[in-house]
């Protein structure tokens, strides 16, 4: 059954391999989080277990999680690295109960050496599901497995007060990626333009950074819109063109 195979494991040739520490732009808003993630990847800091990476949408928390996984796969083999979204975990759990396969489910999720869990906020207000998840995390923690969890909010606002007193939550390290300042946003956008081979002038990049302040994902989307329109229309991506596109 596909749901209970090894599909949760990251592979060196997987679709996440482009996410690395080297492609993550570091600034004042994320420096502490970046260091904690890199220390975990290198196996240098055992106290960061679990490591909770929190922050708003599109700020890079999942990028850092994948970077941890890729680093371990390439620099610290043969450790088994599992990555799963919390939504996928819940789906597997429901299926396991329905098919009477809970033991297989538990065995599967307790097997990894490194467990990467994305978007923990998905179990908010789901008390029973949260309890089952904590049971798996606690087992991994007791076995000395490294756990990394991302969320848009700290675990104390997701789990009940009782669950937050369990060692796997209470003893974890919580780091937050904040909204990047303009200097970091500009550096990130320049990096995105370089990686995407978008020939956009510096003045246009500076305009986009000042105009789009919500998150990096929205900023990258604006860059792609400008570059794509200019290419299709056979025009240069000028500042005037960028203003026209974003004002639509």
C-alpha atoms as a PDB file:
ATOM      1  CA  UNK A   1       0.000   0.000   0.000  1.00  0.00           C
ATOM      2  CA  UNK A   2       1.539   3.278  -1.087  1.00  0.00           C
ATOM      3  CA  UNK A   3       0.548   5.162   2.042  1.00  0.00           C
ATOM      4  CA  UNK A   4       2.659   2.853   4.201  1.00  0.00           C
ATOM      5  CA  UNK A   5       5.748   2.497   2.007  1.00  0.00           C
ATOM      6  CA  UNK A   6       8.985   4.468   2.268  1.00  0.00           C
ATOM      7  CA  UNK A   7       7.712   7.448   0.267  1.00  0.00           C
ATOM      8  CA  UNK A   8       8.248   9.794   3.213  1.00  0.00           C
ATOM      9  CA  UNK A   9      12.028   9.537   2.815  1.00  0.00           C
ATOM     10  CA  UNK A  10      14.041  12.227   1.062  1.00  0.00           C
ATOM     11  CA  UNK A  11      16.303  11.151  -1.787  1.00  0.00           C
ATOM     12  CA  UNK A  12      19.430  12.789  -3.153  1.00  0.00           C
ATOM     13  CA  UNK A  13      17.771  13.145  -6.548  1.00  0.00           C
ATOM     14  CA  UNK A  14      14.503  14.364  -5.061  1.00  0.00           C
ATOM     15  CA  UNK A  15      12.575  17.492  -5.977  1.00  0.00           C
ATOM     16  CA  UNK A  16      13.832  19.334  -2.897  1.00  0.00           C
ATOM     17  CA  UNK A  17      17.543  19.028  -3.646  1.00  0.00           C
ATOM     18  CA  UNK A  18      17.824  22.616  -4.934  1.00  0.00           C
ATOM     19  CA  UNK A  19      17.087  23.929  -1.445  1.00  0.00           C
ATOM     20  CA  UNK A  20      20.422  24.360   0.299  1.00  0.00           C
ATOM     21  CA  UNK A  21      21.987  26.512   2.995  1.00  0.00           C
ATOM     22  CA  UNK A  22      24.128  28.147   0.295  1.00  0.00           C
ATOM     23  CA  UNK A  23      21.039  29.473  -1.516  1.00  0.00           C
ATOM     24  CA  UNK A  24      19.422  30.875   1.640  1.00  0.00           C
ATOM     25  CA  UNK A  25      20.027  34.614   2.041  1.00  0.00           C
ATOM     26  CA  UNK A  26      20.945  35.413   5.640  1.00  0.00           C
ATOM     27  CA  UNK A  27      20.087  38.715   7.318  1.00  0.00           C
ATOM     28  CA  UNK A  28      19.211  40.129  10.718  1.00  0.00           C
ATOM     29  CA  UNK A  29      15.690  38.699  10.480  1.00  0.00           C
ATOM     30  CA  UNK A  30      16.778  35.066  10.149  1.00  0.00           C
ATOM     31  CA  UNK A  31      20.407  34.772  11.291  1.00  0.00           C
ATOM     32  CA  UNK A  32      19.673  32.979  14.585  1.00  0.00           C
ATOM     33  CA  UNK A  33      17.304  30.541  12.885  1.00  0.00           C
ATOM     34  CA  UNK A  34      19.810  29.864  10.108  1.00  0.00           C
ATOM     35  CA  UNK A  35      22.569  29.079  12.615  1.00  0.00           C
ATOM     36  CA  UNK A  36      20.338  26.741  14.613  1.00  0.00           C
ATOM     37  CA  UNK A  37      19.304  24.893  11.447  1.00  0.00           C
ATOM     38  CA  UNK A  38      22.900  24.566  10.243  1.00  0.00           C
ATOM     39  CA  UNK A  39      24.054  23.309  13.653  1.00  0.00           C
ATOM     40  CA  UNK A  40      21.343  20.641  13.599  1.00  0.00           C
ATOM     41  CA  UNK A  41      22.289  19.611  10.063  1.00  0.00           C
ATOM     42  CA  UNK A  42      25.938  19.279  11.054  1.00  0.00           C
ATOM     43  CA  UNK A  43      25.012  17.317  14.161  1.00  0.00           C
ATOM     44  CA  UNK A  44      26.800  19.879  16.334  1.00  0.00           C
ATOM     45  CA  UNK A  45      23.969  20.880  18.646  1.00  0.00           C
ATOM     46  CA  UNK A  46      22.086  18.049  20.334  1.00  0.00           C
ATOM     47  CA  UNK A  47      20.136  20.430  22.555  1.00  0.00           C
ATOM     48  CA  UNK A  48      18.067  21.666  19.609  1.00  0.00           C
ATOM     49  CA  UNK A  49      15.772  18.661  19.652  1.00  0.00           C
ATOM     50  CA  UNK A  50      13.156  19.166  18.536  1.00  0.00           C
ATOM     51  CA  UNK A  51      14.028  22.307  16.605  1.00  0.00           C
ATOM     52  CA  UNK A  52      10.887  24.378  16.003  1.00  0.00           C
ATOM     53  CA  UNK A  53      11.239  26.818  13.098  1.00  0.00           C
ATOM     54  CA  UNK A  54       8.413  29.350  13.196  1.00  0.00           C
ATOM     55  CA  UNK A  55       7.526  32.323  11.043  1.00  0.00           C
ATOM     56  CA  UNK A  56       5.017  33.695   8.584  1.00  0.00           C
ATOM     57  CA  UNK A  57       4.141  32.271   5.198  1.00  0.00           C
ATOM     58  CA  UNK A  58       6.780  32.598   2.496  1.00  0.00           C
ATOM     59  CA  UNK A  59       9.689  33.604   4.752  1.00  0.00           C
ATOM     60  CA  UNK A  60      11.851  30.516   4.240  1.00  0.00           C
ATOM     61  CA  UNK A  61      11.095  28.138   7.078  1.00  0.00           C
ATOM     62  CA  UNK A  62      10.452  25.197   4.727  1.00  0.00           C
ATOM     63  CA  UNK A  63      13.560  26.108   2.704  1.00  0.00           C
ATOM     64  CA  UNK A  64      15.657  25.681   5.858  1.00  0.00           C
ATOM     65  CA  UNK A  65      13.958  22.387   6.676  1.00  0.00           C
ATOM     66  CA  UNK A  66      14.763  20.974   3.245  1.00  0.00           C
ATOM     67  CA  UNK A  67      18.295  22.366   3.518  1.00  0.00           C
ATOM     68  CA  UNK A  68      18.754  20.390   6.740  1.00  0.00           C
ATOM     69  CA  UNK A  69      17.559  17.224   5.047  1.00  0.00           C
ATOM     70  CA  UNK A  70      19.707  17.692   1.958  1.00  0.00           C
ATOM     71  CA  UNK A  71      22.804  18.483   4.004  1.00  0.00           C
ATOM     72  CA  UNK A  72      22.410  15.331   6.087  1.00  0.00           C
ATOM     73  CA  UNK A  73      21.752  13.169   3.020  1.00  0.00           C
ATOM     74  CA  UNK A  74      24.892  14.422   1.290  1.00  0.00           C
ATOM     75  CA  UNK A  75      27.283  15.020   4.183  1.00  0.00           C
ATOM     76  CA  UNK A  76      26.181  12.549   6.863  1.00  0.00           C
ATOM     77  CA  UNK A  77      25.008   9.326   5.171  1.00  0.00           C
ATOM     78  CA  UNK A  78      23.600   6.706   5.616  1.00  0.00           C
ATOM     79  CA  UNK A  79      21.057   8.358   7.913  1.00  0.00           C
ATOM     80  CA  UNK A  80      17.414   7.995   6.917  1.00  0.00           C
ATOM     81  CA  UNK A  81      15.779  11.402   6.522  1.00  0.00           C
ATOM     82  CA  UNK A  82      11.984  11.603   6.409  1.00  0.00           C
ATOM     83  CA  UNK A  83      10.057  14.672   5.321  1.00  0.00           C
ATOM     84  CA  UNK A  84       6.290  14.889   5.634  1.00  0.00           C
ATOM     85  CA  UNK A  85       3.708  17.639   5.810  1.00  0.00           C
ATOM     86  CA  UNK A  86       1.446  17.530   8.846  1.00  0.00           C
ATOM     87  CA  UNK A  87      -1.506  17.228   6.474  1.00  0.00           C
ATOM     88  CA  UNK A  88       0.056  14.074   4.982  1.00  0.00           C
ATOM     89  CA  UNK A  89       0.686  12.701   8.476  1.00  0.00           C
ATOM     90  CA  UNK A  90      -2.970  13.217   9.406  1.00  0.00           C
ATOM     91  CA  UNK A  91      -4.120  11.603   6.155  1.00  0.00           C
ATOM     92  CA  UNK A  92      -1.927   8.551   6.808  1.00  0.00           C
ATOM     93  CA  UNK A  93      -3.198   8.356  10.383  1.00  0.00           C
ATOM     94  CA  UNK A  94      -6.858   8.405   9.331  1.00  0.00           C
ATOM     95  CA  UNK A  95      -6.197   5.753   6.692  1.00  0.00           C
ATOM     96  CA  UNK A  96      -4.334   3.579   9.200  1.00  0.00           C
ATOM     97  CA  UNK A  97      -7.260   3.618  11.630  1.00  0.00           C
ATOM     98  CA  UNK A  98      -9.767   2.940   8.860  1.00  0.00           C
ATOM     99  CA  UNK A  99      -7.833  -0.053   7.519  1.00  0.00           C
ATOM    100  CA  UNK A 100      -6.701  -1.413  10.880  1.00  0.00           C
ATOM    101  CA  UNK A 101      -3.058  -0.696  10.000  1.00  0.00           C
ATOM    102  CA  UNK A 102      -2.083   1.478  12.958  1.00  0.00           C
ATOM    103  CA  UNK A 103       0.882  -0.707  13.940  1.00  0.00           C
ATOM    104  CA  UNK A 104       2.287  -0.424  10.411  1.00  0.00           C
ATOM    105  CA  UNK A 105       1.708   3.318  10.508  1.00  0.00           C
ATOM    106  CA  UNK A 106       3.516   3.702  13.827  1.00  0.00           C
ATOM    107  CA  UNK A 107       6.418   1.513  12.705  1.00  0.00           C
ATOM    108  CA  UNK A 108       6.816   3.588   9.559  1.00  0.00           C
ATOM    109  CA  UNK A 109       6.842   6.930  11.355  1.00  0.00           C
ATOM    110  CA  UNK A 110       9.182   5.840  14.154  1.00  0.00           C
ATOM    111  CA  UNK A 111      11.824   4.440  11.767  1.00  0.00           C
ATOM    112  CA  UNK A 112      13.591   7.601  10.468  1.00  0.00           C
ATOM    113  CA  UNK A 113      16.846   8.890  11.964  1.00  0.00           C
ATOM    114  CA  UNK A 114      15.845  12.462  11.104  1.00  0.00           C
ATOM    115  CA  UNK A 115      12.168  13.448  11.093  1.00  0.00           C
ATOM    116  CA  UNK A 116      11.180  16.674   9.321  1.00  0.00           C
ATOM    117  CA  UNK A 117       7.570  17.758   9.909  1.00  0.00           C
ATOM    118  CA  UNK A 118       6.191  20.715   7.966  1.00  0.00           C
ATOM    119  CA  UNK A 119       3.278  23.026   8.884  1.00  0.00           C
ATOM    120  CA  UNK A 120       2.485  21.854  12.405  1.00  0.00           C
ATOM    121  CA  UNK A 121      -0.371  24.382  12.620  1.00  0.00           C
ATOM    122  CA  UNK A 122      -2.497  21.918  10.639  1.00  0.00           C
ATOM    123  CA  UNK A 123      -3.317  20.013  13.872  1.00  0.00           C
ATOM    124  CA  UNK A 124      -4.489  23.118  15.716  1.00  0.00           C
ATOM    125  CA  UNK A 125      -7.951  22.521  17.215  1.00  0.00           C
ATOM    126  CA  UNK A 126      -7.628  18.793  16.409  1.00  0.00           C
ATOM    127  CA  UNK A 127      -7.067  17.486  19.932  1.00  0.00           C
ATOM    128  CA  UNK A 128      -7.138  13.745  19.257  1.00  0.00           C
ATOM    129  CA  UNK A 129      -4.940  14.031  16.170  1.00  0.00           C
ATOM    130  CA  UNK A 130      -2.509  16.248  18.057  1.00  0.00           C
ATOM    131  CA  UNK A 131      -2.314  13.616  20.783  1.00  0.00           C
ATOM    132  CA  UNK A 132      -1.464  10.892  18.259  1.00  0.00           C
ATOM    133  CA  UNK A 133       1.189  13.104  16.684  1.00  0.00           C
ATOM    134  CA  UNK A 134       2.745  13.846  20.060  1.00  0.00           C
ATOM    135  CA  UNK A 135       2.854  10.100  20.716  1.00  0.00           C
ATOM    136  CA  UNK A 136       4.955   9.538  17.575  1.00  0.00           C
ATOM    137  CA  UNK A 137       7.176  12.545  18.292  1.00  0.00           C
ATOM    138  CA  UNK A 138       7.710  11.386  21.876  1.00  0.00           C
ATOM    139  CA  UNK A 139       8.781   7.938  20.680  1.00  0.00           C
ATOM    140  CA  UNK A 140      11.255   9.455  18.220  1.00  0.00           C
ATOM    141  CA  UNK A 141      12.544  11.747  20.962  1.00  0.00           C
ATOM    142  CA  UNK A 142      13.071   8.836  23.377  1.00  0.00           C
ATOM    143  CA  UNK A 143      14.982   6.972  20.668  1.00  0.00           C
ATOM    144  CA  UNK A 144      17.321   9.937  20.251  1.00  0.00           C
ATOM    145  CA  UNK A 145      16.133  10.765  16.731  1.00  0.00           C
ATOM    146  CA  UNK A 146      16.494  14.366  15.544  1.00  0.00           C
ATOM    147  CA  UNK A 147      13.186  16.162  14.987  1.00  0.00           C
ATOM    148  CA  UNK A 148      12.697  19.415  13.066  1.00  0.00           C
ATOM    149  CA  UNK A 149       9.265  21.040  12.894  1.00  0.00           C
ATOM    150  CA  UNK A 150       8.029  24.114  11.039  1.00  0.00           C
ATOM    151  CA  UNK A 151       4.951  26.148  11.849  1.00  0.00           C
ATOM    152  CA  UNK A 152       3.496  29.608  11.386  1.00  0.00           C
ATOM    153  CA  UNK A 153       3.172  29.887  15.173  1.00  0.00           C
ATOM    154  CA  UNK A 154       4.886  28.478  18.310  1.00  0.00           C
ATOM    155  CA  UNK A 155       3.799  25.047  19.613  1.00  0.00           C
ATOM    156  CA  UNK A 156       2.337  26.599  22.757  1.00  0.00           C
ATOM    157  CA  UNK A 157      -0.488  28.052  20.657  1.00  0.00           C
ATOM    158  CA  UNK A 158      -1.155  24.739  18.883  1.00  0.00           C
ATOM    159  CA  UNK A 159      -1.095  22.090  21.603  1.00  0.00           C
ATOM    160  CA  UNK A 160      -2.972  21.988  24.889  1.00  0.00           C
ATOM    161  CA  UNK A 161      -1.204  23.082  28.057  1.00  0.00           C
ATOM    162  CA  UNK A 162      -0.975  19.435  29.130  1.00  0.00           C
ATOM    163  CA  UNK A 163       0.742  18.333  25.915  1.00  0.00           C
ATOM    164  CA  UNK A 164       3.131  21.288  26.079  1.00  0.00           C
ATOM    165  CA  UNK A 165       4.500  19.918  29.369  1.00  0.00           C
ATOM    166  CA  UNK A 166       5.739  16.736  27.692  1.00  0.00           C
ATOM    167  CA  UNK A 167       9.548  16.624  27.191  1.00  0.00           C
ATOM    168  CA  UNK A 168       9.326  16.471  23.391  1.00  0.00           C
ATOM    169  CA  UNK A 169       7.677  19.904  23.404  1.00  0.00           C
ATOM    170  CA  UNK A 170       8.958  21.425  26.628  1.00  0.00           C
ATOM    171  CA  UNK A 171      12.639  20.743  25.895  1.00  0.00           C
ATOM    172  CA  UNK A 172      12.596  21.880  22.270  1.00  0.00           C
ATOM    173  CA  UNK A 173      14.286  24.976  20.869  1.00  0.00           C
ATOM    174  CA  UNK A 174      11.986  27.541  19.245  1.00  0.00           C
ATOM    175  CA  UNK A 175      13.457  29.948  16.686  1.00  0.00           C
ATOM    176  CA  UNK A 176      11.583  32.459  14.559  1.00  0.00           C
ATOM    177  CA  UNK A 177      12.123  33.883  11.093  1.00  0.00           C
ATOM    178  CA  UNK A 178      10.940  37.483  11.191  1.00  0.00           C
ATOM    179  CA  UNK A 179       9.845  39.709   8.341  1.00  0.00           C
ATOM    180  CA  UNK A 180      13.109  40.592   6.567  1.00  0.00           C
ATOM    181  CA  UNK A 181      14.282  44.181   6.529  1.00  0.00           C
ATOM    182  CA  UNK A 182      14.580  45.937   3.170  1.00  0.00           C
ATOM    183  CA  UNK A 183      18.304  45.166   2.785  1.00  0.00           C
ATOM    184  CA  UNK A 184      17.700  41.434   3.183  1.00  0.00           C
ATOM    185  CA  UNK A 185      14.628  41.507   0.923  1.00  0.00           C
ATOM    186  CA  UNK A 186      16.700  43.123  -1.817  1.00  0.00           C
ATOM    187  CA  UNK A 187      19.488  40.554  -1.419  1.00  0.00           C
ATOM    188  CA  UNK A 188      16.928  37.740  -1.591  1.00  0.00           C
ATOM    189  CA  UNK A 189      15.298  39.184  -4.714  1.00  0.00           C
ATOM    190  CA  UNK A 190      18.666  39.609  -6.435  1.00  0.00           C
ATOM    191  CA  UNK A 191      19.391  35.972  -5.669  1.00  0.00           C
ATOM    192  CA  UNK A 192      15.987  34.903  -7.031  1.00  0.00           C
ATOM    193  CA  UNK A 193      16.619  36.905 -10.213  1.00  0.00           C
ATOM    194  CA  UNK A 194      20.020  35.278 -10.648  1.00  0.00           C
ATOM    195  CA  UNK A 195      18.710  31.749 -10.080  1.00  0.00           C
ATOM    196  CA  UNK A 196      15.805  32.308 -12.468  1.00  0.00           C
ATOM    197  CA  UNK A 197      17.984  34.074 -15.041  1.00  0.00           C
ATOM    198  CA  UNK A 198      15.666  37.089 -15.002  1.00  0.00           C
ATOM    199  CA  UNK A 199      17.394  40.095 -16.610  1.00  0.00           C
ATOM    200  CA  UNK A 200      15.757  42.779 -14.487  1.00  0.00           C
ATOM    201  CA  UNK A 201      17.483  46.130 -13.754  1.00  0.00           C
ATOM    202  CA  UNK A 202      18.513  47.024 -10.205  1.00  0.00           C
ATOM    203  CA  UNK A 203      16.069  49.950 -10.143  1.00  0.00           C
ATOM    204  CA  UNK A 204      13.166  47.585 -10.834  1.00  0.00           C
ATOM    205  CA  UNK A 205      14.299  45.180  -8.113  1.00  0.00           C
ATOM    206  CA  UNK A 206      14.520  48.077  -5.645  1.00  0.00           C
ATOM    207  CA  UNK A 207      10.999  49.182  -6.608  1.00  0.00           C
ATOM    208  CA  UNK A 208       9.590  45.680  -6.136  1.00  0.00           C
ATOM    209  CA  UNK A 209      11.195  45.381  -2.705  1.00  0.00           C
ATOM    210  CA  UNK A 210       9.621  48.645  -1.553  1.00  0.00           C
ATOM    211  CA  UNK A 211       6.255  47.844  -3.125  1.00  0.00           C
ATOM    212  CA  UNK A 212       5.842  44.213  -1.974  1.00  0.00           C
ATOM    213  CA  UNK A 213       6.262  43.899   1.788  1.00  0.00           C
ATOM    214  CA  UNK A 214       4.068  40.907   2.674  1.00  0.00           C
ATOM    215  CA  UNK A 215       6.455  37.982   2.202  1.00  0.00           C
ATOM    216  CA  UNK A 216       9.223  36.641  -0.022  1.00  0.00           C
ATOM    217  CA  UNK A 217       6.883  34.401  -1.990  1.00  0.00           C
ATOM    218  CA  UNK A 218       4.782  37.397  -3.045  1.00  0.00           C
ATOM    219  CA  UNK A 219       7.944  39.320  -3.866  1.00  0.00           C
ATOM    220  CA  UNK A 220       9.224  36.514  -6.080  1.00  0.00           C
ATOM    221  CA  UNK A 221       5.812  36.309  -7.737  1.00  0.00           C
ATOM    222  CA  UNK A 222       5.986  40.006  -8.632  1.00  0.00           C
ATOM    223  CA  UNK A 223       9.461  39.519 -10.106  1.00  0.00           C
ATOM    224  CA  UNK A 224       8.245  36.636 -12.268  1.00  0.00           C
ATOM    225  CA  UNK A 225       5.210  38.627 -13.450  1.00  0.00           C
ATOM    226  CA  UNK A 226       7.353  41.539 -14.580  1.00  0.00           C
ATOM    227  CA  UNK A 227       9.982  39.350 -16.256  1.00  0.00           C
ATOM    228  CA  UNK A 228       7.382  37.141 -17.956  1.00  0.00           C
ATOM    229  CA  UNK A 229       5.336  40.048 -19.300  1.00  0.00           C
ATOM    230  CA  UNK A 230       8.429  41.814 -20.622  1.00  0.00           C
ATOM    231  CA  UNK A 231       9.548  38.638 -22.376  1.00  0.00           C
ATOM    232  CA  UNK A 232       6.145  37.937 -23.941  1.00  0.00           C
ATOM    233  CA  UNK A 233       5.655  41.544 -25.049  1.00  0.00           C
ATOM    234  CA  UNK A 234       9.186  41.837 -26.397  1.00  0.00           C
ATOM    235  CA  UNK A 235       9.871  44.790 -24.115  1.00  0.00           C
ATOM    236  CA  UNK A 236      12.590  45.670 -21.654  1.00  0.00           C
ATOM    237  CA  UNK A 237      11.580  45.229 -17.976  1.00  0.00           C
ATOM    238  CA  UNK A 238      11.769  48.936 -17.175  1.00  0.00           C
ATOM    239  CA  UNK A 239      10.624  50.665 -14.011  1.00  0.00           C
ATOM    240  CA  UNK A 240       7.656  52.152 -15.877  1.00  0.00           C
ATOM    241  CA  UNK A 241       6.621  48.710 -17.109  1.00  0.00           C
ATOM    242  CA  UNK A 242       6.927  47.231 -13.608  1.00  0.00           C
ATOM    243  CA  UNK A 243       4.701  49.963 -12.166  1.00  0.00           C
ATOM    244  CA  UNK A 244       2.103  49.376 -14.880  1.00  0.00           C
ATOM    245  CA  UNK A 245       2.012  45.620 -14.255  1.00  0.00           C
ATOM    246  CA  UNK A 246       1.783  45.885 -10.466  1.00  0.00           C
ATOM    247  CA  UNK A 247      -0.921  48.561 -10.635  1.00  0.00           C
ATOM    248  CA  UNK A 248      -3.238  46.331 -12.648  1.00  0.00           C
END
